[in-house]
Amino acid sequence: MNKYELLYIISSAADEVTRDSIIKKFSDMVTADGGTVENIEKIGMKKFAYPIQDRTEGFYVLMNFTSNPTLLRAMEQQMALTEHFVRKMFIKK
């Protein structure tokens, strides 16, 4: 098990219910795989330095968790399929 930090951005077009369901979806993926979510910080709406997907702002979320390295690939695949998902960045601690 490794410790990771995941920073991701949800589109500003997503309402609060949609944002919460996306956050829950990825934290549930960690726990379902046997990992643990240490904390989830909802940073909030921030302006981008440049437009991404014709948007100028997005909702930032920071999640610290412990999991197997194989989970990262599955999470990346789900993020690619998830509507309202803008960007992601995994960091191994």
PDB file of N, CA and C in Angstrom:
ATOM      1  N   MET A   1       0.842  -1.178   0.000  1.00  0.00           N
ATOM      2  CA  MET A   1       0.000   0.000   0.000  1.00  0.00           C
ATOM      3  C   MET A   1       0.893   1.249   0.000  1.00  0.00           C
ATOM      4  N   ASN A   2       0.535   2.173  -0.874  1.00  0.00           N
ATOM      5  CA  ASN A   2       1.260   3.434  -0.985  1.00  0.00           C
ATOM      6  C   ASN A   2       0.339   4.594  -0.632  1.00  0.00           C
ATOM      7  N   LYS A   3       0.955   5.696  -0.230  1.00  0.00           N
ATOM      8  CA  LYS A   3       0.180   6.906   0.043  1.00  0.00           C
ATOM      9  C   LYS A   3       0.202   7.786  -1.200  1.00  0.00           C
ATOM     10  N   TYR A   4      -0.986   8.341  -1.527  1.00  0.00           N
ATOM     11  CA  TYR A   4      -1.126   9.185  -2.701  1.00  0.00           C
ATOM     12  C   TYR A   4      -1.886  10.461  -2.361  1.00  0.00           C
ATOM     13  N   GLU A   5      -1.654  11.447  -3.188  1.00  0.00           N
ATOM     14  CA  GLU A   5      -2.426  12.684  -3.137  1.00  0.00           C
ATOM     15  C   GLU A   5      -3.016  12.881  -4.524  1.00  0.00           C
ATOM     16  N   LEU A   6      -4.299  13.140  -4.591  1.00  0.00           N
ATOM     17  CA  LEU A   6      -4.985  13.333  -5.864  1.00  0.00           C
ATOM     18  C   LEU A   6      -5.646  14.705  -5.862  1.00  0.00           C
ATOM     19  N   LEU A   7      -5.261  15.522  -6.814  1.00  0.00           N
ATOM     20  CA  LEU A   7      -5.901  16.814  -7.013  1.00  0.00           C
ATOM     21  C   LEU A   7      -6.664  16.722  -8.323  1.00  0.00           C
ATOM     22  N   TYR A   8      -7.956  17.008  -8.274  1.00  0.00           N
ATOM     23  CA  TYR A   8      -8.719  16.989  -9.511  1.00  0.00           C
ATOM     24  C   TYR A   8      -9.672  18.168  -9.581  1.00  0.00           C
ATOM     25  N   ILE A   9     -10.099  18.457 -10.815  1.00  0.00           N
ATOM     26  CA  ILE A   9     -10.963  19.605 -11.079  1.00  0.00           C
ATOM     27  C   ILE A   9     -12.250  19.115 -11.707  1.00  0.00           C
ATOM     28  N   ILE A  10     -13.364  19.568 -11.145  1.00  0.00           N
ATOM     29  CA  ILE A  10     -14.692  19.265 -11.666  1.00  0.00           C
ATOM     30  C   ILE A  10     -15.198  20.518 -12.371  1.00  0.00           C
ATOM     31  N   SER A  11     -15.851  20.350 -13.498  1.00  0.00           N
ATOM     32  CA  SER A  11     -16.344  21.463 -14.302  1.00  0.00           C
ATOM     33  C   SER A  11     -17.259  22.379 -13.502  1.00  0.00           C
ATOM     34  N   SER A  12     -17.208  23.657 -13.818  1.00  0.00           N
ATOM     35  CA  SER A  12     -18.077  24.629 -13.150  1.00  0.00           C
ATOM     36  C   SER A  12     -19.539  24.446 -13.554  1.00  0.00           C
ATOM     37  N   ALA A  13     -19.792  23.693 -14.626  1.00  0.00           N
ATOM     38  CA  ALA A  13     -21.167  23.435 -15.071  1.00  0.00           C
ATOM     39  C   ALA A  13     -21.889  22.431 -14.169  1.00  0.00           C
ATOM     40  N   ALA A  14     -21.132  21.679 -13.373  1.00  0.00           N
ATOM     41  CA  ALA A  14     -21.738  20.676 -12.484  1.00  0.00           C
ATOM     42  C   ALA A  14     -22.334  21.359 -11.259  1.00  0.00           C
ATOM     43  N   ASP A  15     -23.549  20.954 -10.902  1.00  0.00           N
ATOM     44  CA  ASP A  15     -24.165  21.517  -9.695  1.00  0.00           C
ATOM     45  C   ASP A  15     -23.603  20.814  -8.453  1.00  0.00           C
ATOM     46  N   GLU A  16     -24.020  21.253  -7.277  1.00  0.00           N
ATOM     47  CA  GLU A  16     -23.463  20.736  -6.029  1.00  0.00           C
ATOM     48  C   GLU A  16     -23.738  19.251  -5.832  1.00  0.00           C
ATOM     49  N   VAL A  17     -24.903  18.799  -6.217  1.00  0.00           N
ATOM     50  CA  VAL A  17     -25.251  17.381  -6.073  1.00  0.00           C
ATOM     51  C   VAL A  17     -24.349  16.525  -6.964  1.00  0.00           C
ATOM     52  N   THR A  18     -24.127  16.976  -8.187  1.00  0.00           N
ATOM     53  CA  THR A  18     -23.265  16.247  -9.122  1.00  0.00           C
ATOM     54  C   THR A  18     -21.829  16.217  -8.605  1.00  0.00           C
ATOM     55  N   ARG A  19     -21.341  17.346  -8.104  1.00  0.00           N
ATOM     56  CA  ARG A  19     -19.979  17.401  -7.559  1.00  0.00           C
ATOM     57  C   ARG A  19     -19.826  16.423  -6.397  1.00  0.00           C
ATOM     58  N   ASP A  20     -20.799  16.410  -5.493  1.00  0.00           N
ATOM     59  CA  ASP A  20     -20.725  15.507  -4.347  1.00  0.00           C
ATOM     60  C   ASP A  20     -20.755  14.044  -4.771  1.00  0.00           C
ATOM     61  N   SER A  21     -21.527  13.730  -5.807  1.00  0.00           N
ATOM     62  CA  SER A  21     -21.583  12.336  -6.273  1.00  0.00           C
ATOM     63  C   SER A  21     -20.261  11.926  -6.931  1.00  0.00           C
ATOM     64  N   ILE A  22     -19.598  12.841  -7.624  1.00  0.00           N
ATOM     65  CA  ILE A  22     -18.292  12.541  -8.235  1.00  0.00           C
ATOM     66  C   ILE A  22     -17.254  12.316  -7.138  1.00  0.00           C
ATOM     67  N   ILE A  23     -17.254  13.176  -6.128  1.00  0.00           N
ATOM     68  CA  ILE A  23     -16.308  13.044  -5.011  1.00  0.00           C
ATOM     69  C   ILE A  23     -16.527  11.720  -4.298  1.00  0.00           C
ATOM     70  N   LYS A  24     -17.789  11.370  -4.045  1.00  0.00           N
ATOM     71  CA  LYS A  24     -18.115  10.103  -3.374  1.00  0.00           C
ATOM     72  C   LYS A  24     -17.704   8.904  -4.229  1.00  0.00           C
ATOM     73  N   LYS A  25     -17.900   9.009  -5.533  1.00  0.00           N
ATOM     74  CA  LYS A  25     -17.570   7.913  -6.450  1.00  0.00           C
ATOM     75  C   LYS A  25     -16.092   7.530  -6.331  1.00  0.00           C
ATOM     76  N   PHE A  26     -15.213   8.529  -6.320  1.00  0.00           N
ATOM     77  CA  PHE A  26     -13.782   8.221  -6.291  1.00  0.00           C
ATOM     78  C   PHE A  26     -13.289   7.847  -4.897  1.00  0.00           C
ATOM     79  N   SER A  27     -13.903   8.367  -3.861  1.00  0.00           N
ATOM     80  CA  SER A  27     -13.522   7.916  -2.513  1.00  0.00           C
ATOM     81  C   SER A  27     -14.014   6.489  -2.279  1.00  0.00           C
ATOM     82  N   ASP A  28     -15.184   6.149  -2.839  1.00  0.00           N
ATOM     83  CA  ASP A  28     -15.692   4.779  -2.727  1.00  0.00           C
ATOM     84  C   ASP A  28     -14.822   3.787  -3.497  1.00  0.00           C
ATOM     85  N   MET A  29     -14.235   4.221  -4.607  1.00  0.00           N
ATOM     86  CA  MET A  29     -13.339   3.340  -5.361  1.00  0.00           C
ATOM     87  C   MET A  29     -12.134   2.952  -4.506  1.00  0.00           C
ATOM     88  N   VAL A  30     -11.616   3.887  -3.745  1.00  0.00           N
ATOM     89  CA  VAL A  30     -10.457   3.616  -2.888  1.00  0.00           C
ATOM     90  C   VAL A  30     -10.832   2.615  -1.798  1.00  0.00           C
ATOM     91  N   THR A  31     -11.942   2.857  -1.117  1.00  0.00           N
ATOM     92  CA  THR A  31     -12.331   1.963  -0.025  1.00  0.00           C
ATOM     93  C   THR A  31     -12.754   0.583  -0.533  1.00  0.00           C
ATOM     94  N   ALA A  32     -13.360   0.517  -1.706  1.00  0.00           N
ATOM     95  CA  ALA A  32     -13.769  -0.775  -2.268  1.00  0.00           C
ATOM     96  C   ALA A  32     -12.564  -1.633  -2.625  1.00  0.00           C
ATOM     97  N   ASP A  33     -11.442  -1.000  -2.942  1.00  0.00           N
ATOM     98  CA  ASP A  33     -10.226  -1.729  -3.302  1.00  0.00           C
ATOM     99  C   ASP A  33      -9.383  -2.082  -2.077  1.00  0.00           C
ATOM    100  N   GLY A  34      -9.858  -1.733  -0.884  1.00  0.00           N
ATOM    101  CA  GLY A  34      -9.135  -2.066   0.333  1.00  0.00           C
ATOM    102  C   GLY A  34      -8.254  -0.946   0.856  1.00  0.00           C
ATOM    103  N   GLY A  35      -8.307   0.207   0.215  1.00  0.00           N
ATOM    104  CA  GLY A  35      -7.520   1.350   0.668  1.00  0.00           C
ATOM    105  C   GLY A  35      -8.281   2.190   1.673  1.00  0.00           C
ATOM    106  N   THR A  36      -7.633   3.253   2.123  1.00  0.00           N
ATOM    107  CA  THR A  36      -8.274   4.158   3.074  1.00  0.00           C
ATOM    108  C   THR A  36      -8.143   5.597   2.587  1.00  0.00           C
ATOM    109  N   VAL A  37      -9.206   6.362   2.756  1.00  0.00           N
ATOM    110  CA  VAL A  37      -9.194   7.780   2.424  1.00  0.00           C
ATOM    111  C   VAL A  37      -8.864   8.536   3.704  1.00  0.00           C
ATOM    112  N   GLU A  38      -7.737   9.249   3.693  1.00  0.00           N
ATOM    113  CA  GLU A  38      -7.314   9.974   4.889  1.00  0.00           C
ATOM    114  C   GLU A  38      -8.102  11.269   5.052  1.00  0.00           C
ATOM    115  N   ASN A  39      -8.224  12.035   3.978  1.00  0.00           N
ATOM    116  CA  ASN A  39      -9.059  13.236   4.023  1.00  0.00           C
ATOM    117  C   ASN A  39      -9.400  13.710   2.619  1.00  0.00           C
ATOM    118  N   ILE A  40     -10.500  14.436   2.529  1.00  0.00           N
ATOM    119  CA  ILE A  40     -10.936  15.052   1.279  1.00  0.00           C
ATOM    120  C   ILE A  40     -11.163  16.523   1.578  1.00  0.00           C
ATOM    121  N   GLU A  41     -10.453  17.363   0.844  1.00  0.00           N
ATOM    122  CA  GLU A  41     -10.581  18.801   1.026  1.00  0.00           C
ATOM    123  C   GLU A  41     -11.233  19.399  -0.226  1.00  0.00           C
ATOM    124  N   LYS A  42     -12.405  19.968  -0.034  1.00  0.00           N
ATOM    125  CA  LYS A  42     -13.089  20.649  -1.131  1.00  0.00           C
ATOM    126  C   LYS A  42     -12.571  22.081  -1.162  1.00  0.00           C
ATOM    127  N   ILE A  43     -11.621  22.336  -2.032  1.00  0.00           N
ATOM    128  CA  ILE A  43     -10.974  23.646  -2.097  1.00  0.00           C
ATOM    129  C   ILE A  43     -11.949  24.697  -2.605  1.00  0.00           C
ATOM    130  N   GLY A  44     -12.752  24.318  -3.580  1.00  0.00           N
ATOM    131  CA  GLY A  44     -13.772  25.223  -4.079  1.00  0.00           C
ATOM    132  C   GLY A  44     -13.505  25.715  -5.487  1.00  0.00           C
ATOM    133  N   MET A  45     -14.295  26.687  -5.897  1.00  0.00           N
ATOM    134  CA  MET A  45     -14.242  27.236  -7.244  1.00  0.00           C
ATOM    135  C   MET A  45     -13.034  28.158  -7.381  1.00  0.00           C
ATOM    136  N   LYS A  46     -12.227  27.919  -8.418  1.00  0.00           N
ATOM    137  CA  LYS A  46     -11.042  28.729  -8.695  1.00  0.00           C
ATOM    138  C   LYS A  46     -10.995  29.061 -10.176  1.00  0.00           C
ATOM    139  N   LYS A  47     -10.446  30.211 -10.500  1.00  0.00           N
ATOM    140  CA  LYS A  47     -10.257  30.601 -11.896  1.00  0.00           C
ATOM    141  C   LYS A  47      -9.018  29.915 -12.448  1.00  0.00           C
ATOM    142  N   PHE A  48      -9.088  29.514 -13.724  1.00  0.00           N
ATOM    143  CA  PHE A  48      -7.948  28.904 -14.405  1.00  0.00           C
ATOM    144  C   PHE A  48      -7.011  29.997 -14.921  1.00  0.00           C
ATOM    145  N   ALA A  49      -5.754  29.652 -15.096  1.00  0.00           N
ATOM    146  CA  ALA A  49      -4.797  30.582 -15.679  1.00  0.00           C
ATOM    147  C   ALA A  49      -5.066  30.766 -17.179  1.00  0.00           C
ATOM    148  N   TYR A  50      -5.659  29.748 -17.786  1.00  0.00           N
ATOM    149  CA  TYR A  50      -6.031  29.780 -19.202  1.00  0.00           C
ATOM    150  C   TYR A  50      -7.276  28.919 -19.375  1.00  0.00           C
ATOM    151  N   PRO A  51      -8.063  29.153 -20.424  1.00  0.00           N
ATOM    152  CA  PRO A  51      -9.289  28.356 -20.618  1.00  0.00           C
ATOM    153  C   PRO A  51      -8.985  26.870 -20.845  1.00  0.00           C
ATOM    154  N   ILE A  52      -9.763  26.024 -20.199  1.00  0.00           N
ATOM    155  CA  ILE A  52      -9.678  24.569 -20.383  1.00  0.00           C
ATOM    156  C   ILE A  52     -11.070  24.106 -20.776  1.00  0.00           C
ATOM    157  N   GLN A  53     -11.170  23.449 -21.925  1.00  0.00           N
ATOM    158  CA  GLN A  53     -12.458  22.960 -22.437  1.00  0.00           C
ATOM    159  C   GLN A  53     -13.484  24.099 -22.465  1.00  0.00           C
ATOM    160  N   ASP A  54     -13.068  25.254 -22.941  1.00  0.00           N
ATOM    161  CA  ASP A  54     -13.912  26.450 -23.057  1.00  0.00           C
ATOM    162  C   ASP A  54     -14.484  26.910 -21.713  1.00  0.00           C
ATOM    163  N   ARG A  55     -13.841  26.593 -20.626  1.00  0.00           N
ATOM    164  CA  ARG A  55     -14.260  27.042 -19.295  1.00  0.00           C
ATOM    165  C   ARG A  55     -13.137  27.879 -18.681  1.00  0.00           C
ATOM    166  N   THR A  56     -13.509  28.816 -17.821  1.00  0.00           N
ATOM    167  CA  THR A  56     -12.517  29.672 -17.182  1.00  0.00           C
ATOM    168  C   THR A  56     -12.362  29.401 -15.692  1.00  0.00           C
ATOM    169  N   GLU A  57     -13.213  28.521 -15.128  1.00  0.00           N
ATOM    170  CA  GLU A  57     -13.088  28.168 -13.721  1.00  0.00           C
ATOM    171  C   GLU A  57     -13.574  26.749 -13.487  1.00  0.00           C
ATOM    172  N   GLY A  58     -13.161  26.189 -12.344  1.00  0.00           N
ATOM    173  CA  GLY A  58     -13.564  24.837 -11.990  1.00  0.00           C
ATOM    174  C   GLY A  58     -13.510  24.634 -10.495  1.00  0.00           C
ATOM    175  N   PHE A  59     -14.083  23.540 -10.035  1.00  0.00           N
ATOM    176  CA  PHE A  59     -14.155  23.200  -8.612  1.00  0.00           C
ATOM    177  C   PHE A  59     -13.013  22.235  -8.290  1.00  0.00           C
ATOM    178  N   TYR A  60     -12.111  22.651  -7.406  1.00  0.00           N
ATOM    179  CA  TYR A  60     -10.929  21.863  -7.060  1.00  0.00           C
ATOM    180  C   TYR A  60     -11.200  20.986  -5.841  1.00  0.00           C
ATOM    181  N   VAL A  61     -10.692  19.740  -5.911  1.00  0.00           N
ATOM    182  CA  VAL A  61     -10.824  18.789  -4.805  1.00  0.00           C
ATOM    183  C   VAL A  61      -9.463  18.130  -4.585  1.00  0.00           C
ATOM    184  N   LEU A  62      -9.049  18.055  -3.321  1.00  0.00           N
ATOM    185  CA  LEU A  62      -7.791  17.411  -2.947  1.00  0.00           C
ATOM    186  C   LEU A  62      -8.107  16.218  -2.058  1.00  0.00           C
ATOM    187  N   MET A  63      -7.634  15.032  -2.457  1.00  0.00           N
ATOM    188  CA  MET A  63      -7.904  13.810  -1.696  1.00  0.00           C
ATOM    189  C   MET A  63      -6.587  13.115  -1.376  1.00  0.00           C
ATOM    190  N   ASN A  64      -6.356  12.818  -0.102  1.00  0.00           N
ATOM    191  CA  ASN A  64      -5.206  12.032   0.340  1.00  0.00           C
ATOM    192  C   ASN A  64      -5.704  10.644   0.684  1.00  0.00           C
ATOM    193  N   PHE A  65      -5.017   9.621   0.157  1.00  0.00           N
ATOM    194  CA  PHE A  65      -5.476   8.255   0.381  1.00  0.00           C
ATOM    195  C   PHE A  65      -4.322   7.271   0.326  1.00  0.00           C
ATOM    196  N   THR A  66      -4.586   6.072   0.812  1.00  0.00           N
ATOM    197  CA  THR A  66      -3.646   4.961   0.767  1.00  0.00           C
ATOM    198  C   THR A  66      -4.301   3.840  -0.029  1.00  0.00           C
ATOM    199  N   SER A  67      -3.562   3.293  -1.005  1.00  0.00           N
ATOM    200  CA  SER A  67      -4.128   2.212  -1.816  1.00  0.00           C
ATOM    201  C   SER A  67      -3.026   1.443  -2.526  1.00  0.00           C
ATOM    202  N   ASN A  68      -3.439   0.392  -3.228  1.00  0.00           N
ATOM    203  CA  ASN A  68      -2.531  -0.365  -4.081  1.00  0.00           C
ATOM    204  C   ASN A  68      -2.244   0.443  -5.344  1.00  0.00           C
ATOM    205  N   PRO A  69      -1.045   0.325  -5.909  1.00  0.00           N
ATOM    206  CA  PRO A  69      -0.720   1.081  -7.123  1.00  0.00           C
ATOM    207  C   PRO A  69      -1.597   0.728  -8.324  1.00  0.00           C
ATOM    208  N   THR A  70      -2.169  -0.450  -8.340  1.00  0.00           N
ATOM    209  CA  THR A  70      -2.999  -0.858  -9.469  1.00  0.00           C
ATOM    210  C   THR A  70      -4.311  -0.075  -9.543  1.00  0.00           C
ATOM    211  N   LEU A  71      -4.736   0.491  -8.424  1.00  0.00           N
ATOM    212  CA  LEU A  71      -5.989   1.251  -8.402  1.00  0.00           C
ATOM    213  C   LEU A  71      -5.896   2.530  -9.228  1.00  0.00           C
ATOM    214  N   LEU A  72      -4.723   3.117  -9.327  1.00  0.00           N
ATOM    215  CA  LEU A  72      -4.569   4.383 -10.042  1.00  0.00           C
ATOM    216  C   LEU A  72      -5.013   4.280 -11.495  1.00  0.00           C
ATOM    217  N   ARG A  73      -4.661   3.208 -12.134  1.00  0.00           N
ATOM    218  CA  ARG A  73      -5.048   3.013 -13.544  1.00  0.00           C
ATOM    219  C   ARG A  73      -6.566   2.915 -13.674  1.00  0.00           C
ATOM    220  N   ALA A  74      -7.204   2.190 -12.770  1.00  0.00           N
ATOM    221  CA  ALA A  74      -8.661   2.069 -12.805  1.00  0.00           C
ATOM    222  C   ALA A  74      -9.325   3.415 -12.546  1.00  0.00           C
ATOM    223  N   MET A  75      -8.753   4.207 -11.635  1.00  0.00           N
ATOM    224  CA  MET A  75      -9.309   5.530 -11.355  1.00  0.00           C
ATOM    225  C   MET A  75      -9.160   6.452 -12.565  1.00  0.00           C
ATOM    226  N   GLU A  76      -8.002   6.387 -13.231  1.00  0.00           N
ATOM    227  CA  GLU A  76      -7.793   7.208 -14.427  1.00  0.00           C
ATOM    228  C   GLU A  76      -8.803   6.866 -15.519  1.00  0.00           C
ATOM    229  N   GLN A  77      -9.092   5.582 -15.682  1.00  0.00           N
ATOM    230  CA  GLN A  77     -10.068   5.163 -16.686  1.00  0.00           C
ATOM    231  C   GLN A  77     -11.456   5.688 -16.348  1.00  0.00           C
ATOM    232  N   GLN A  78     -11.843   5.625 -15.082  1.00  0.00           N
ATOM    233  CA  GLN A  78     -13.150   6.139 -14.676  1.00  0.00           C
ATOM    234  C   GLN A  78     -13.229   7.652 -14.821  1.00  0.00           C
ATOM    235  N   MET A  79     -12.141   8.330 -14.546  1.00  0.00           N
ATOM    236  CA  MET A  79     -12.118   9.788 -14.696  1.00  0.00           C
ATOM    237  C   MET A  79     -12.293  10.197 -16.147  1.00  0.00           C
ATOM    238  N   ALA A  80     -11.711   9.423 -17.047  1.00  0.00           N
ATOM    239  CA  ALA A  80     -11.846   9.717 -18.473  1.00  0.00           C
ATOM    240  C   ALA A  80     -13.293   9.539 -18.936  1.00  0.00           C
ATOM    241  N   LEU A  81     -14.033   8.661 -18.290  1.00  0.00           N
ATOM    242  CA  LEU A  81     -15.417   8.391 -18.668  1.00  0.00           C
ATOM    243  C   LEU A  81     -16.432   9.258 -17.936  1.00  0.00           C
ATOM    244  N   THR A  82     -15.992   9.939 -16.877  1.00  0.00           N
ATOM    245  CA  THR A  82     -16.897  10.722 -16.052  1.00  0.00           C
ATOM    246  C   THR A  82     -17.166  12.085 -16.666  1.00  0.00           C
ATOM    247  N   GLU A  83     -18.448  12.397 -16.798  1.00  0.00           N
ATOM    248  CA  GLU A  83     -18.838  13.710 -17.310  1.00  0.00           C
ATOM    249  C   GLU A  83     -18.497  14.769 -16.264  1.00  0.00           C
ATOM    250  N   HIS A  84     -18.191  15.966 -16.686  1.00  0.00           N
ATOM    251  CA  HIS A  84     -17.847  17.111 -15.843  1.00  0.00           C
ATOM    252  C   HIS A  84     -16.460  16.996 -15.217  1.00  0.00           C
ATOM    253  N   PHE A  85     -15.639  16.065 -15.664  1.00  0.00           N
ATOM    254  CA  PHE A  85     -14.298  15.922 -15.125  1.00  0.00           C
ATOM    255  C   PHE A  85     -13.339  16.680 -16.031  1.00  0.00           C
ATOM    256  N   VAL A  86     -12.532  17.570 -15.460  1.00  0.00           N
ATOM    257  CA  VAL A  86     -11.668  18.431 -16.269  1.00  0.00           C
ATOM    258  C   VAL A  86     -10.222  17.948 -16.261  1.00  0.00           C
ATOM    259  N   ARG A  87      -9.591  17.899 -15.094  1.00  0.00           N
ATOM    260  CA  ARG A  87      -8.185  17.516 -14.976  1.00  0.00           C
ATOM    261  C   ARG A  87      -7.956  16.721 -13.701  1.00  0.00           C
ATOM    262  N   LYS A  88      -6.791  16.016 -13.669  1.00  0.00           N
ATOM    263  CA  LYS A  88      -6.402  15.250 -12.499  1.00  0.00           C
ATOM    264  C   LYS A  88      -4.886  15.251 -12.380  1.00  0.00           C
ATOM    265  N   MET A  89      -4.400  15.035 -11.155  1.00  0.00           N
ATOM    266  CA  MET A  89      -2.968  14.897 -10.931  1.00  0.00           C
ATOM    267  C   MET A  89      -2.768  14.008  -9.706  1.00  0.00           C
ATOM    268  N   PHE A  90      -2.113  12.843  -9.928  1.00  0.00           N
ATOM    269  CA  PHE A  90      -1.763  11.931  -8.844  1.00  0.00           C
ATOM    270  C   PHE A  90      -0.329  12.213  -8.414  1.00  0.00           C
ATOM    271  N   ILE A  91      -0.094  12.215  -7.114  1.00  0.00           N
ATOM    272  CA  ILE A  91       1.254  12.363  -6.581  1.00  0.00           C
ATOM    273  C   ILE A  91       1.467  11.257  -5.558  1.00  0.00           C
ATOM    274  N   LYS A  92       2.575  10.514  -5.719  1.00  0.00           N
ATOM    275  CA  LYS A  92       2.923   9.485  -4.737  1.00  0.00           C
ATOM    276  C   LYS A  92       3.721  10.171  -3.635  1.00  0.00           C
ATOM    277  N   LYS A  93       3.276   9.984  -2.387  1.00  0.00           N
ATOM    278  CA  LYS A  93       3.947  10.616  -1.254  1.00  0.00           C
ATOM    279  C   LYS A  93       5.099   9.758  -0.750  1.00  0.00           C
TER     280      LYS A  93
END
